[in-house]
Amino acid sequence: MLGSFGNEQITGKPTDGDIREGKKTCLLIDALSKLDPNDAQRVKNLIGNPYITKEAVKEVKGLFLKSKSVQSCKKLANKYYEMAETNLNNLKPHVNQSEFEFFKSLLNFVLKREY
């Protein structure tokens, strides 16, 4: 999601990169499955174009929002976080505390990162 809705000054990356490159992100896959056929086709026609205009990027982002894909992808990320946390907690008796804390920190970083 950072590749489309992140803060460019924090990430150091433009927020149109994933759209320009046509990356098969969670946002894209989810949006295409939820949008009506005309909107889905519009997204397909726009993504992957290295010369896409700022207006067209804004349109794609608007369709991502319309489809509620941002919320769906955040929900999916949280689901995977909870699964990973459960598995990590199951490993706690088998690893030393510093290893456990390292992986716990890594898990939190991945979910909450802004860059």
PDB file of N, CA and C in Angstrom:
ATOM      1  N   MET A   1       0.817  -1.188   0.000  1.00  0.00           N
ATOM      2  CA  MET A   1       0.000   0.000   0.000  1.00  0.00           C
ATOM      3  C   MET A   1       0.866   1.258   0.000  1.00  0.00           C
ATOM      4  N   LEU A   2       2.088   1.136   0.545  1.00  0.00           N
ATOM      5  CA  LEU A   2       2.967   2.302   0.572  1.00  0.00           C
ATOM      6  C   LEU A   2       3.309   2.774  -0.834  1.00  0.00           C
ATOM      7  N   GLY A   3       3.331   1.845  -1.792  1.00  0.00           N
ATOM      8  CA  GLY A   3       3.668   2.199  -3.160  1.00  0.00           C
ATOM      9  C   GLY A   3       2.599   3.007  -3.864  1.00  0.00           C
ATOM     10  N   SER A   4       1.410   3.098  -3.274  1.00  0.00           N
ATOM     11  CA  SER A   4       0.336   3.902  -3.858  1.00  0.00           C
ATOM     12  C   SER A   4      -0.175   4.982  -2.916  1.00  0.00           C
ATOM     13  N   PHE A   5      -0.143   4.713  -1.607  1.00  0.00           N
ATOM     14  CA  PHE A   5      -0.720   5.662  -0.656  1.00  0.00           C
ATOM     15  C   PHE A   5       0.253   6.083   0.442  1.00  0.00           C
ATOM     16  N   GLY A   6       1.525   5.734   0.304  1.00  0.00           N
ATOM     17  CA  GLY A   6       2.510   6.127   1.303  1.00  0.00           C
ATOM     18  C   GLY A   6       2.878   7.598   1.183  1.00  0.00           C
ATOM     19  N   ASN A   7       3.657   8.065   2.128  1.00  0.00           N
ATOM     20  CA  ASN A   7       4.159   9.434   2.121  1.00  0.00           C
ATOM     21  C   ASN A   7       5.501   9.432   1.398  1.00  0.00           C
ATOM     22  N   GLU A   8       5.566  10.099   0.256  1.00  0.00           N
ATOM     23  CA  GLU A   8       6.781  10.093  -0.559  1.00  0.00           C
ATOM     24  C   GLU A   8       7.993  10.593   0.206  1.00  0.00           C
ATOM     25  N   GLN A   9       7.806  11.559   1.095  1.00  0.00           N
ATOM     26  CA  GLN A   9       8.942  12.092   1.838  1.00  0.00           C
ATOM     27  C   GLN A   9       9.446  11.104   2.884  1.00  0.00           C
ATOM     28  N   ILE A  10       8.599  10.234   3.353  1.00  0.00           N
ATOM     29  CA  ILE A  10       9.026   9.218   4.319  1.00  0.00           C
ATOM     30  C   ILE A  10       9.574   7.992   3.593  1.00  0.00           C
ATOM     31  N   THR A  11       8.879   7.545   2.549  1.00  0.00           N
ATOM     32  CA  THR A  11       9.299   6.328   1.847  1.00  0.00           C
ATOM     33  C   THR A  11      10.472   6.568   0.912  1.00  0.00           C
ATOM     34  N   GLY A  12      10.597   7.801   0.430  1.00  0.00           N
ATOM     35  CA  GLY A  12      11.636   8.090  -0.552  1.00  0.00           C
ATOM     36  C   GLY A  12      11.302   7.551  -1.933  1.00  0.00           C
ATOM     37  N   LYS A  13      10.061   7.118  -2.111  1.00  0.00           N
ATOM     38  CA  LYS A  13       9.616   6.562  -3.392  1.00  0.00           C
ATOM     39  C   LYS A  13       8.370   7.299  -3.853  1.00  0.00           C
ATOM     40  N   PRO A  14       8.216   7.458  -5.155  1.00  0.00           N
ATOM     41  CA  PRO A  14       6.986   8.081  -5.651  1.00  0.00           C
ATOM     42  C   PRO A  14       5.793   7.156  -5.407  1.00  0.00           C
ATOM     43  N   THR A  15       4.633   7.761  -5.186  1.00  0.00           N
ATOM     44  CA  THR A  15       3.439   6.952  -4.911  1.00  0.00           C
ATOM     45  C   THR A  15       2.710   6.531  -6.179  1.00  0.00           C
ATOM     46  N   ASP A  16       3.335   6.741  -7.313  1.00  0.00           N
ATOM     47  CA  ASP A  16       2.740   6.252  -8.556  1.00  0.00           C
ATOM     48  C   ASP A  16       3.545   5.097  -9.147  1.00  0.00           C
ATOM     49  N   GLY A  17       4.623   4.701  -8.480  1.00  0.00           N
ATOM     50  CA  GLY A  17       5.523   3.685  -9.019  1.00  0.00           C
ATOM     51  C   GLY A  17       4.866   2.342  -9.265  1.00  0.00           C
ATOM     52  N   ASP A  18       4.119   1.846  -8.289  1.00  0.00           N
ATOM     53  CA  ASP A  18       3.475   0.536  -8.452  1.00  0.00           C
ATOM     54  C   ASP A  18       2.460   0.569  -9.587  1.00  0.00           C
ATOM     55  N   ILE A  19       1.768   1.683  -9.726  1.00  0.00           N
ATOM     56  CA  ILE A  19       0.767   1.826 -10.791  1.00  0.00           C
ATOM     57  C   ILE A  19       1.466   1.916 -12.143  1.00  0.00           C
ATOM     58  N   ARG A  20       2.506   2.733 -12.233  1.00  0.00           N
ATOM     59  CA  ARG A  20       3.271   2.853 -13.485  1.00  0.00           C
ATOM     60  C   ARG A  20       3.860   1.514 -13.920  1.00  0.00           C
ATOM     61  N   GLU A  21       4.367   0.771 -12.932  1.00  0.00           N
ATOM     62  CA  GLU A  21       5.026  -0.502 -13.228  1.00  0.00           C
ATOM     63  C   GLU A  21       4.043  -1.654 -13.412  1.00  0.00           C
ATOM     64  N   GLY A  22       2.787  -1.437 -13.048  1.00  0.00           N
ATOM     65  CA  GLY A  22       1.789  -2.496 -13.179  1.00  0.00           C
ATOM     66  C   GLY A  22       1.993  -3.627 -12.194  1.00  0.00           C
ATOM     67  N   LYS A  23       2.534  -3.306 -11.017  1.00  0.00           N
ATOM     68  CA  LYS A  23       2.786  -4.341 -10.012  1.00  0.00           C
ATOM     69  C   LYS A  23       1.478  -4.969  -9.554  1.00  0.00           C
ATOM     70  N   LYS A  24       1.518  -6.264  -9.410  1.00  0.00           N
ATOM     71  CA  LYS A  24       0.338  -7.022  -8.977  1.00  0.00           C
ATOM     72  C   LYS A  24       0.262  -6.983  -7.448  1.00  0.00           C
ATOM     73  N   THR A  25      -0.111  -5.844  -6.928  1.00  0.00           N
ATOM     74  CA  THR A  25      -0.186  -5.639  -5.485  1.00  0.00           C
ATOM     75  C   THR A  25      -1.518  -6.132  -4.934  1.00  0.00           C
ATOM     76  N   CYS A  26      -1.581  -6.211  -3.626  1.00  0.00           N
ATOM     77  CA  CYS A  26      -2.840  -6.557  -2.956  1.00  0.00           C
ATOM     78  C   CYS A  26      -3.933  -5.582  -3.376  1.00  0.00           C
ATOM     79  N   LEU A  27      -3.594  -4.297  -3.413  1.00  0.00           N
ATOM     80  CA  LEU A  27      -4.582  -3.281  -3.812  1.00  0.00           C
ATOM     81  C   LEU A  27      -5.148  -3.572  -5.194  1.00  0.00           C
ATOM     82  N   LEU A  28      -4.275  -3.843  -6.136  1.00  0.00           N
ATOM     83  CA  LEU A  28      -4.712  -4.074  -7.513  1.00  0.00           C
ATOM     84  C   LEU A  28      -5.571  -5.332  -7.614  1.00  0.00           C
ATOM     85  N   ILE A  29      -5.083  -6.413  -7.064  1.00  0.00           N
ATOM     86  CA  ILE A  29      -5.813  -7.681  -7.160  1.00  0.00           C
ATOM     87  C   ILE A  29      -7.185  -7.570  -6.501  1.00  0.00           C
ATOM     88  N   ASP A  30      -7.216  -6.968  -5.318  1.00  0.00           N
ATOM     89  CA  ASP A  30      -8.481  -6.825  -4.600  1.00  0.00           C
ATOM     90  C   ASP A  30      -9.439  -5.910  -5.358  1.00  0.00           C
ATOM     91  N   ALA A  31      -8.930  -4.789  -5.842  1.00  0.00           N
ATOM     92  CA  ALA A  31      -9.788  -3.841  -6.568  1.00  0.00           C
ATOM     93  C   ALA A  31     -10.380  -4.486  -7.816  1.00  0.00           C
ATOM     94  N   LEU A  32      -9.561  -5.194  -8.577  1.00  0.00           N
ATOM     95  CA  LEU A  32     -10.061  -5.817  -9.805  1.00  0.00           C
ATOM     96  C   LEU A  32     -11.149  -6.847  -9.511  1.00  0.00           C
ATOM     97  N   SER A  33     -11.077  -7.470  -8.348  1.00  0.00           N
ATOM     98  CA  SER A  33     -12.093  -8.473  -8.005  1.00  0.00           C
ATOM     99  C   SER A  33     -13.392  -7.838  -7.515  1.00  0.00           C
ATOM    100  N   LYS A  34     -13.351  -6.563  -7.120  1.00  0.00           N
ATOM    101  CA  LYS A  34     -14.531  -5.914  -6.543  1.00  0.00           C
ATOM    102  C   LYS A  34     -15.181  -4.869  -7.442  1.00  0.00           C
ATOM    103  N   LEU A  35     -14.409  -4.274  -8.319  1.00  0.00           N
ATOM    104  CA  LEU A  35     -14.956  -3.206  -9.165  1.00  0.00           C
ATOM    105  C   LEU A  35     -15.917  -3.769 -10.206  1.00  0.00           C
ATOM    106  N   ASP A  36     -16.830  -2.926 -10.661  1.00  0.00           N
ATOM    107  CA  ASP A  36     -17.692  -3.357 -11.758  1.00  0.00           C
ATOM    108  C   ASP A  36     -16.816  -3.518 -13.003  1.00  0.00           C
ATOM    109  N   PRO A  37     -17.281  -4.280 -13.977  1.00  0.00           N
ATOM    110  CA  PRO A  37     -16.453  -4.589 -15.146  1.00  0.00           C
ATOM    111  C   PRO A  37     -15.874  -3.358 -15.860  1.00  0.00           C
ATOM    112  N   ASN A  38     -16.642  -2.287 -15.960  1.00  0.00           N
ATOM    113  CA  ASN A  38     -16.135  -1.090 -16.640  1.00  0.00           C
ATOM    114  C   ASN A  38     -14.988  -0.451 -15.872  1.00  0.00           C
ATOM    115  N   ASP A  39     -15.146  -0.319 -14.558  1.00  0.00           N
ATOM    116  CA  ASP A  39     -14.078   0.263 -13.742  1.00  0.00           C
ATOM    117  C   ASP A  39     -12.854  -0.642 -13.713  1.00  0.00           C
ATOM    118  N   ALA A  40     -13.073  -1.946 -13.626  1.00  0.00           N
ATOM    119  CA  ALA A  40     -11.954  -2.889 -13.622  1.00  0.00           C
ATOM    120  C   ALA A  40     -11.180  -2.797 -14.936  1.00  0.00           C
ATOM    121  N   GLN A  41     -11.892  -2.696 -16.037  1.00  0.00           N
ATOM    122  CA  GLN A  41     -11.222  -2.574 -17.330  1.00  0.00           C
ATOM    123  C   GLN A  41     -10.454  -1.256 -17.417  1.00  0.00           C
ATOM    124  N   ARG A  42     -11.019  -0.212 -16.861  1.00  0.00           N
ATOM    125  CA  ARG A  42     -10.336   1.089 -16.856  1.00  0.00           C
ATOM    126  C   ARG A  42      -9.008   0.983 -16.104  1.00  0.00           C
ATOM    127  N   VAL A  43      -9.020   0.335 -14.952  1.00  0.00           N
ATOM    128  CA  VAL A  43      -7.781   0.139 -14.192  1.00  0.00           C
ATOM    129  C   VAL A  43      -6.783  -0.655 -15.028  1.00  0.00           C
ATOM    130  N   LYS A  44      -7.236  -1.745 -15.632  1.00  0.00           N
ATOM    131  CA  LYS A  44      -6.349  -2.576 -16.457  1.00  0.00           C
ATOM    132  C   LYS A  44      -5.738  -1.778 -17.597  1.00  0.00           C
ATOM    133  N   ASN A  45      -6.523  -0.871 -18.175  1.00  0.00           N
ATOM    134  CA  ASN A  45      -6.023  -0.064 -19.292  1.00  0.00           C
ATOM    135  C   ASN A  45      -4.989   0.960 -18.850  1.00  0.00           C
ATOM    136  N   LEU A  46      -5.068   1.395 -17.604  1.00  0.00           N
ATOM    137  CA  LEU A  46      -4.188   2.463 -17.128  1.00  0.00           C
ATOM    138  C   LEU A  46      -2.892   1.964 -16.501  1.00  0.00           C
ATOM    139  N   ILE A  47      -2.949   0.855 -15.773  1.00  0.00           N
ATOM    140  CA  ILE A  47      -1.747   0.418 -15.056  1.00  0.00           C
ATOM    141  C   ILE A  47      -0.695  -0.132 -16.016  1.00  0.00           C
ATOM    142  N   GLY A  48       0.544  -0.073 -15.550  1.00  0.00           N
ATOM    143  CA  GLY A  48       1.638  -0.609 -16.347  1.00  0.00           C
ATOM    144  C   GLY A  48       2.103   0.313 -17.447  1.00  0.00           C
ATOM    145  N   ASN A  49       1.645   1.550 -17.425  1.00  0.00           N
ATOM    146  CA  ASN A  49       2.031   2.536 -18.434  1.00  0.00           C
ATOM    147  C   ASN A  49       3.058   3.486 -17.820  1.00  0.00           C
ATOM    148  N   PRO A  50       4.313   3.408 -18.255  1.00  0.00           N
ATOM    149  CA  PRO A  50       5.332   4.288 -17.668  1.00  0.00           C
ATOM    150  C   PRO A  50       5.080   5.770 -17.942  1.00  0.00           C
ATOM    151  N   TYR A  51       4.204   6.076 -18.878  1.00  0.00           N
ATOM    152  CA  TYR A  51       3.900   7.470 -19.235  1.00  0.00           C
ATOM    153  C   TYR A  51       2.535   7.918 -18.725  1.00  0.00           C
ATOM    154  N   ILE A  52       1.977   7.184 -17.791  1.00  0.00           N
ATOM    155  CA  ILE A  52       0.661   7.510 -17.253  1.00  0.00           C
ATOM    156  C   ILE A  52       0.674   8.925 -16.674  1.00  0.00           C
ATOM    157  N   THR A  53      -0.405   9.639 -16.885  1.00  0.00           N
ATOM    158  CA  THR A  53      -0.496  11.015 -16.386  1.00  0.00           C
ATOM    159  C   THR A  53      -0.830  11.023 -14.893  1.00  0.00           C
ATOM    160  N   LYS A  54      -0.565  12.149 -14.259  1.00  0.00           N
ATOM    161  CA  LYS A  54      -0.906  12.294 -12.836  1.00  0.00           C
ATOM    162  C   LYS A  54      -2.406  12.152 -12.629  1.00  0.00           C
ATOM    163  N   GLU A  55      -3.183  12.650 -13.586  1.00  0.00           N
ATOM    164  CA  GLU A  55      -4.643  12.550 -13.489  1.00  0.00           C
ATOM    165  C   GLU A  55      -5.088  11.092 -13.549  1.00  0.00           C
ATOM    166  N   ALA A  56      -4.458  10.317 -14.418  1.00  0.00           N
ATOM    167  CA  ALA A  56      -4.821   8.904 -14.540  1.00  0.00           C
ATOM    168  C   ALA A  56      -4.406   8.128 -13.287  1.00  0.00           C
ATOM    169  N   VAL A  57      -3.248   8.474 -12.709  1.00  0.00           N
ATOM    170  CA  VAL A  57      -2.824   7.843 -11.453  1.00  0.00           C
ATOM    171  C   VAL A  57      -3.851   8.142 -10.370  1.00  0.00           C
ATOM    172  N   LYS A  58      -4.283   9.397 -10.320  1.00  0.00           N
ATOM    173  CA  LYS A  58      -5.298   9.797  -9.338  1.00  0.00           C
ATOM    174  C   LYS A  58      -6.587   9.005  -9.556  1.00  0.00           C
ATOM    175  N   GLU A  59      -6.940   8.775 -10.811  1.00  0.00           N
ATOM    176  CA  GLU A  59      -8.142   7.994 -11.126  1.00  0.00           C
ATOM    177  C   GLU A  59      -8.011   6.559 -10.617  1.00  0.00           C
ATOM    178  N   VAL A  60      -6.851   5.948 -10.857  1.00  0.00           N
ATOM    179  CA  VAL A  60      -6.630   4.574 -10.384  1.00  0.00           C
ATOM    180  C   VAL A  60      -6.721   4.524  -8.861  1.00  0.00           C
ATOM    181  N   LYS A  61      -6.072   5.475  -8.198  1.00  0.00           N
ATOM    182  CA  LYS A  61      -6.134   5.508  -6.733  1.00  0.00           C
ATOM    183  C   LYS A  61      -7.576   5.693  -6.257  1.00  0.00           C
ATOM    184  N   GLY A  62      -8.321   6.512  -6.956  1.00  0.00           N
ATOM    185  CA  GLY A  62      -9.729   6.708  -6.622  1.00  0.00           C
ATOM    186  C   GLY A  62     -10.524   5.423  -6.760  1.00  0.00           C
ATOM    187  N   LEU A  63     -10.210   4.641  -7.775  1.00  0.00           N
ATOM    188  CA  LEU A  63     -10.894   3.357  -7.954  1.00  0.00           C
ATOM    189  C   LEU A  63     -10.474   2.357  -6.874  1.00  0.00           C
ATOM    190  N   PHE A  64      -9.212   2.422  -6.443  1.00  0.00           N
ATOM    191  CA  PHE A  64      -8.787   1.592  -5.308  1.00  0.00           C
ATOM    192  C   PHE A  64      -9.616   1.946  -4.075  1.00  0.00           C
ATOM    193  N   LEU A  65      -9.812   3.243  -3.854  1.00  0.00           N
ATOM    194  CA  LEU A  65     -10.597   3.684  -2.696  1.00  0.00           C
ATOM    195  C   LEU A  65     -12.066   3.297  -2.848  1.00  0.00           C
ATOM    196  N   LYS A  66     -12.586   3.470  -4.054  1.00  0.00           N
ATOM    197  CA  LYS A  66     -13.987   3.125  -4.321  1.00  0.00           C
ATOM    198  C   LYS A  66     -14.258   1.654  -4.013  1.00  0.00           C
ATOM    199  N   SER A  67     -13.309   0.807  -4.352  1.00  0.00           N
ATOM    200  CA  SER A  67     -13.477  -0.637  -4.145  1.00  0.00           C
ATOM    201  C   SER A  67     -13.241  -1.060  -2.693  1.00  0.00           C
ATOM    202  N   LYS A  68     -12.795  -0.109  -1.874  1.00  0.00           N
ATOM    203  CA  LYS A  68     -12.468  -0.381  -0.467  1.00  0.00           C
ATOM    204  C   LYS A  68     -11.306  -1.364  -0.328  1.00  0.00           C
ATOM    205  N   SER A  69     -10.437  -1.373  -1.327  1.00  0.00           N
ATOM    206  CA  SER A  69      -9.285  -2.274  -1.309  1.00  0.00           C
ATOM    207  C   SER A  69      -8.267  -1.903  -0.244  1.00  0.00           C
ATOM    208  N   VAL A  70      -8.153  -0.619   0.065  1.00  0.00           N
ATOM    209  CA  VAL A  70      -7.208  -0.211   1.112  1.00  0.00           C
ATOM    210  C   VAL A  70      -7.599  -0.881   2.428  1.00  0.00           C
ATOM    211  N   GLN A  71      -8.882  -0.803   2.768  1.00  0.00           N
ATOM    212  CA  GLN A  71      -9.353  -1.426   4.006  1.00  0.00           C
ATOM    213  C   GLN A  71      -9.169  -2.945   3.961  1.00  0.00           C
ATOM    214  N   SER A  72      -9.486  -3.543   2.830  1.00  0.00           N
ATOM    215  CA  SER A  72      -9.356  -4.999   2.700  1.00  0.00           C
ATOM    216  C   SER A  72      -7.910  -5.444   2.861  1.00  0.00           C
ATOM    217  N   CYS A  73      -6.994  -4.701   2.263  1.00  0.00           N
ATOM    218  CA  CYS A  73      -5.579  -5.078   2.342  1.00  0.00           C
ATOM    219  C   CYS A  73      -5.026  -4.854   3.744  1.00  0.00           C
ATOM    220  N   LYS A  74      -5.481  -3.808   4.420  1.00  0.00           N
ATOM    221  CA  LYS A  74      -5.069  -3.601   5.818  1.00  0.00           C
ATOM    222  C   LYS A  74      -5.596  -4.736   6.687  1.00  0.00           C
ATOM    223  N   LYS A  75      -6.821  -5.140   6.436  1.00  0.00           N
ATOM    224  CA  LYS A  75      -7.420  -6.243   7.195  1.00  0.00           C
ATOM    225  C   LYS A  75      -6.638  -7.536   6.954  1.00  0.00           C
ATOM    226  N   LEU A  76      -6.261  -7.783   5.708  1.00  0.00           N
ATOM    227  CA  LEU A  76      -5.485  -8.976   5.377  1.00  0.00           C
ATOM    228  C   LEU A  76      -4.111  -8.927   6.046  1.00  0.00           C
ATOM    229  N   ALA A  77      -3.465  -7.761   6.027  1.00  0.00           N
ATOM    230  CA  ALA A  77      -2.163  -7.612   6.682  1.00  0.00           C
ATOM    231  C   ALA A  77      -2.283  -7.901   8.176  1.00  0.00           C
ATOM    232  N   ASN A  78      -3.345  -7.412   8.790  1.00  0.00           N
ATOM    233  CA  ASN A  78      -3.559  -7.671  10.219  1.00  0.00           C
ATOM    234  C   ASN A  78      -3.801  -9.154  10.487  1.00  0.00           C
ATOM    235  N   LYS A  79      -4.519  -9.797   9.590  1.00  0.00           N
ATOM    236  CA  LYS A  79      -4.772 -11.236   9.742  1.00  0.00           C
ATOM    237  C   LYS A  79      -3.453 -12.009   9.715  1.00  0.00           C
ATOM    238  N   TYR A  80      -2.597 -11.683   8.740  1.00  0.00           N
ATOM    239  CA  TYR A  80      -1.304 -12.364   8.651  1.00  0.00           C
ATOM    240  C   TYR A  80      -0.408 -12.019   9.832  1.00  0.00           C
ATOM    241  N   TYR A  81      -0.506 -10.788  10.312  1.00  0.00           N
ATOM    242  CA  TYR A  81       0.248 -10.392  11.504  1.00  0.00           C
ATOM    243  C   TYR A  81      -0.164 -11.262  12.692  1.00  0.00           C
ATOM    244  N   GLU A  82      -1.467 -11.410  12.889  1.00  0.00           N
ATOM    245  CA  GLU A  82      -1.957 -12.211  14.016  1.00  0.00           C
ATOM    246  C   GLU A  82      -1.529 -13.671  13.899  1.00  0.00           C
ATOM    247  N   MET A  83      -1.551 -14.199  12.680  1.00  0.00           N
ATOM    248  CA  MET A  83      -1.097 -15.581  12.480  1.00  0.00           C
ATOM    249  C   MET A  83       0.391 -15.704  12.802  1.00  0.00           C
ATOM    250  N   ALA A  84       1.175 -14.748  12.322  1.00  0.00           N
ATOM    251  CA  ALA A  84       2.615 -14.774  12.578  1.00  0.00           C
ATOM    252  C   ALA A  84       2.900 -14.613  14.067  1.00  0.00           C
ATOM    253  N   GLU A  85       2.156 -13.734  14.721  1.00  0.00           N
ATOM    254  CA  GLU A  85       2.345 -13.519  16.155  1.00  0.00           C
ATOM    255  C   GLU A  85       2.025 -14.795  16.937  1.00  0.00           C
ATOM    256  N   THR A  86       0.958 -15.474  16.566  1.00  0.00           N
ATOM    257  CA  THR A  86       0.600 -16.738  17.224  1.00  0.00           C
ATOM    258  C   THR A  86       1.710 -17.762  17.046  1.00  0.00           C
ATOM    259  N   ASN A  87       2.207 -17.889  15.826  1.00  0.00           N
ATOM    260  CA  ASN A  87       3.282 -18.849  15.567  1.00  0.00           C
ATOM    261  C   ASN A  87       4.557 -18.473  16.309  1.00  0.00           C
ATOM    262  N   LEU A  88       4.856 -17.187  16.353  1.00  0.00           N
ATOM    263  CA  LEU A  88       6.039 -16.733  17.082  1.00  0.00           C
ATOM    264  C   LEU A  88       5.893 -17.036  18.572  1.00  0.00           C
ATOM    265  N   ASN A  89       4.724 -16.769  19.120  1.00  0.00           N
ATOM    266  CA  ASN A  89       4.494 -17.061  20.539  1.00  0.00           C
ATOM    267  C   ASN A  89       4.614 -18.559  20.835  1.00  0.00           C
ATOM    268  N   ASN A  90       4.233 -19.391  19.871  1.00  0.00           N
ATOM    269  CA  ASN A  90       4.386 -20.841  20.042  1.00  0.00           C
ATOM    270  C   ASN A  90       5.854 -21.250  20.075  1.00  0.00           C
ATOM    271  N   LEU A  91       6.707 -20.455  19.436  1.00  0.00           N
ATOM    272  CA  LEU A  91       8.145 -20.746  19.421  1.00  0.00           C
ATOM    273  C   LEU A  91       8.865 -20.239  20.663  1.00  0.00           C
ATOM    274  N   LYS A  92       8.243 -19.358  21.395  1.00  0.00           N
ATOM    275  CA  LYS A  92       8.907 -18.688  22.525  1.00  0.00           C
ATOM    276  C   LYS A  92       9.613 -19.658  23.479  1.00  0.00           C
ATOM    277  N   PRO A  93       8.999 -20.777  23.845  1.00  0.00           N
ATOM    278  CA  PRO A  93       9.695 -21.687  24.771  1.00  0.00           C
ATOM    279  C   PRO A  93      10.941 -22.347  24.163  1.00  0.00           C
ATOM    280  N   HIS A  94      11.085 -22.263  22.848  1.00  0.00           N
ATOM    281  CA  HIS A  94      12.163 -22.980  22.170  1.00  0.00           C
ATOM    282  C   HIS A  94      13.303 -22.078  21.703  1.00  0.00           C
ATOM    283  N   VAL A  95      13.190 -20.791  21.933  1.00  0.00           N
ATOM    284  CA  VAL A  95      14.251 -19.853  21.531  1.00  0.00           C
ATOM    285  C   VAL A  95      14.608 -18.976  22.726  1.00  0.00           C
ATOM    286  N   ASN A  96      15.807 -18.387  22.678  1.00  0.00           N
ATOM    287  CA  ASN A  96      16.155 -17.513  23.797  1.00  0.00           C
ATOM    288  C   ASN A  96      15.412 -16.185  23.668  1.00  0.00           C
ATOM    289  N   GLN A  97      15.356 -15.461  24.755  1.00  0.00           N
ATOM    290  CA  GLN A  97      14.565 -14.228  24.837  1.00  0.00           C
ATOM    291  C   GLN A  97      14.998 -13.193  23.803  1.00  0.00           C
ATOM    292  N   SER A  98      16.302 -13.035  23.587  1.00  0.00           N
ATOM    293  CA  SER A  98      16.758 -12.013  22.630  1.00  0.00           C
ATOM    294  C   SER A  98      16.326 -12.358  21.207  1.00  0.00           C
ATOM    295  N   GLU A  99      16.351 -13.636  20.850  1.00  0.00           N
ATOM    296  CA  GLU A  99      15.875 -14.044  19.524  1.00  0.00           C
ATOM    297  C   GLU A  99      14.383 -13.774  19.390  1.00  0.00           C
ATOM    298  N   PHE A 100      13.641 -14.115  20.425  1.00  0.00           N
ATOM    299  CA  PHE A 100      12.200 -13.876  20.412  1.00  0.00           C
ATOM    300  C   PHE A 100      11.908 -12.388  20.245  1.00  0.00           C
ATOM    301  N   GLU A 101      12.580 -11.551  21.018  1.00  0.00           N
ATOM    302  CA  GLU A 101      12.356 -10.101  20.954  1.00  0.00           C
ATOM    303  C   GLU A 101      12.730  -9.543  19.585  1.00  0.00           C
ATOM    304  N   PHE A 102      13.797 -10.077  18.986  1.00  0.00           N
ATOM    305  CA  PHE A 102      14.195  -9.633  17.647  1.00  0.00           C
ATOM    306  C   PHE A 102      13.070  -9.894  16.649  1.00  0.00           C
ATOM    307  N   PHE A 103      12.555 -11.099  16.636  1.00  0.00           N
ATOM    308  CA  PHE A 103      11.499 -11.435  15.676  1.00  0.00           C
ATOM    309  C   PHE A 103      10.189 -10.719  15.989  1.00  0.00           C
ATOM    310  N   LYS A 104       9.912 -10.494  17.258  1.00  0.00           N
ATOM    311  CA  LYS A 104       8.724  -9.729  17.638  1.00  0.00           C
ATOM    312  C   LYS A 104       8.849  -8.292  17.121  1.00  0.00           C
ATOM    313  N   SER A 105      10.029  -7.693  17.266  1.00  0.00           N
ATOM    314  CA  SER A 105      10.269  -6.333  16.758  1.00  0.00           C
ATOM    315  C   SER A 105      10.153  -6.289  15.241  1.00  0.00           C
ATOM    316  N   LEU A 106      10.701  -7.299  14.588  1.00  0.00           N
ATOM    317  CA  LEU A 106      10.621  -7.369  13.131  1.00  0.00           C
ATOM    318  C   LEU A 106       9.170  -7.474  12.678  1.00  0.00           C
ATOM    319  N   LEU A 107       8.414  -8.283  13.342  1.00  0.00           N
ATOM    320  CA  LEU A 107       6.997  -8.452  13.019  1.00  0.00           C
ATOM    321  C   LEU A 107       6.249  -7.130  13.158  1.00  0.00           C
ATOM    322  N   ASN A 108       6.489  -6.417  14.243  1.00  0.00           N
ATOM    323  CA  ASN A 108       5.841  -5.117  14.450  1.00  0.00           C
ATOM    324  C   ASN A 108       6.275  -4.103  13.401  1.00  0.00           C
ATOM    325  N   PHE A 109       7.559  -4.115  13.060  1.00  0.00           N
ATOM    326  CA  PHE A 109       8.067  -3.187  12.054  1.00  0.00           C
ATOM    327  C   PHE A 109       7.377  -3.412  10.708  1.00  0.00           C
ATOM    328  N   VAL A 110       7.278  -4.657  10.304  1.00  0.00           N
ATOM    329  CA  VAL A 110       6.697  -4.977   8.996  1.00  0.00           C
ATOM    330  C   VAL A 110       5.249  -4.513   8.913  1.00  0.00           C
ATOM    331  N   LEU A 111       4.492  -4.674   9.981  1.00  0.00           N
ATOM    332  CA  LEU A 111       3.088  -4.268   9.956  1.00  0.00           C
ATOM    333  C   LEU A 111       2.934  -2.753   9.986  1.00  0.00           C
ATOM    334  N   LYS A 112       3.759  -2.091  10.774  1.00  0.00           N
ATOM    335  CA  LYS A 112       3.549  -0.668  11.024  1.00  0.00           C
ATOM    336  C   LYS A 112       4.469   0.257  10.243  1.00  0.00           C
ATOM    337  N   ARG A 113       5.318  -0.294   9.406  1.00  0.00           N
ATOM    338  CA  ARG A 113       6.304   0.544   8.723  1.00  0.00           C
ATOM    339  C   ARG A 113       5.647   1.585   7.831  1.00  0.00           C
ATOM    340  N   GLU A 114       6.345   2.692   7.703  1.00  0.00           N
ATOM    341  CA  GLU A 114       5.875   3.778   6.849  1.00  0.00           C
ATOM    342  C   GLU A 114       6.859   4.046   5.721  1.00  0.00           C
ATOM    343  N   TYR A 115       7.914   3.241   5.627  1.00  0.00           N
ATOM    344  CA  TYR A 115       8.927   3.431   4.582  1.00  0.00           C
ATOM    345  C   TYR A 115       9.400   2.111   4.056  1.00  0.00           C
TER     346      TYR A 115
END
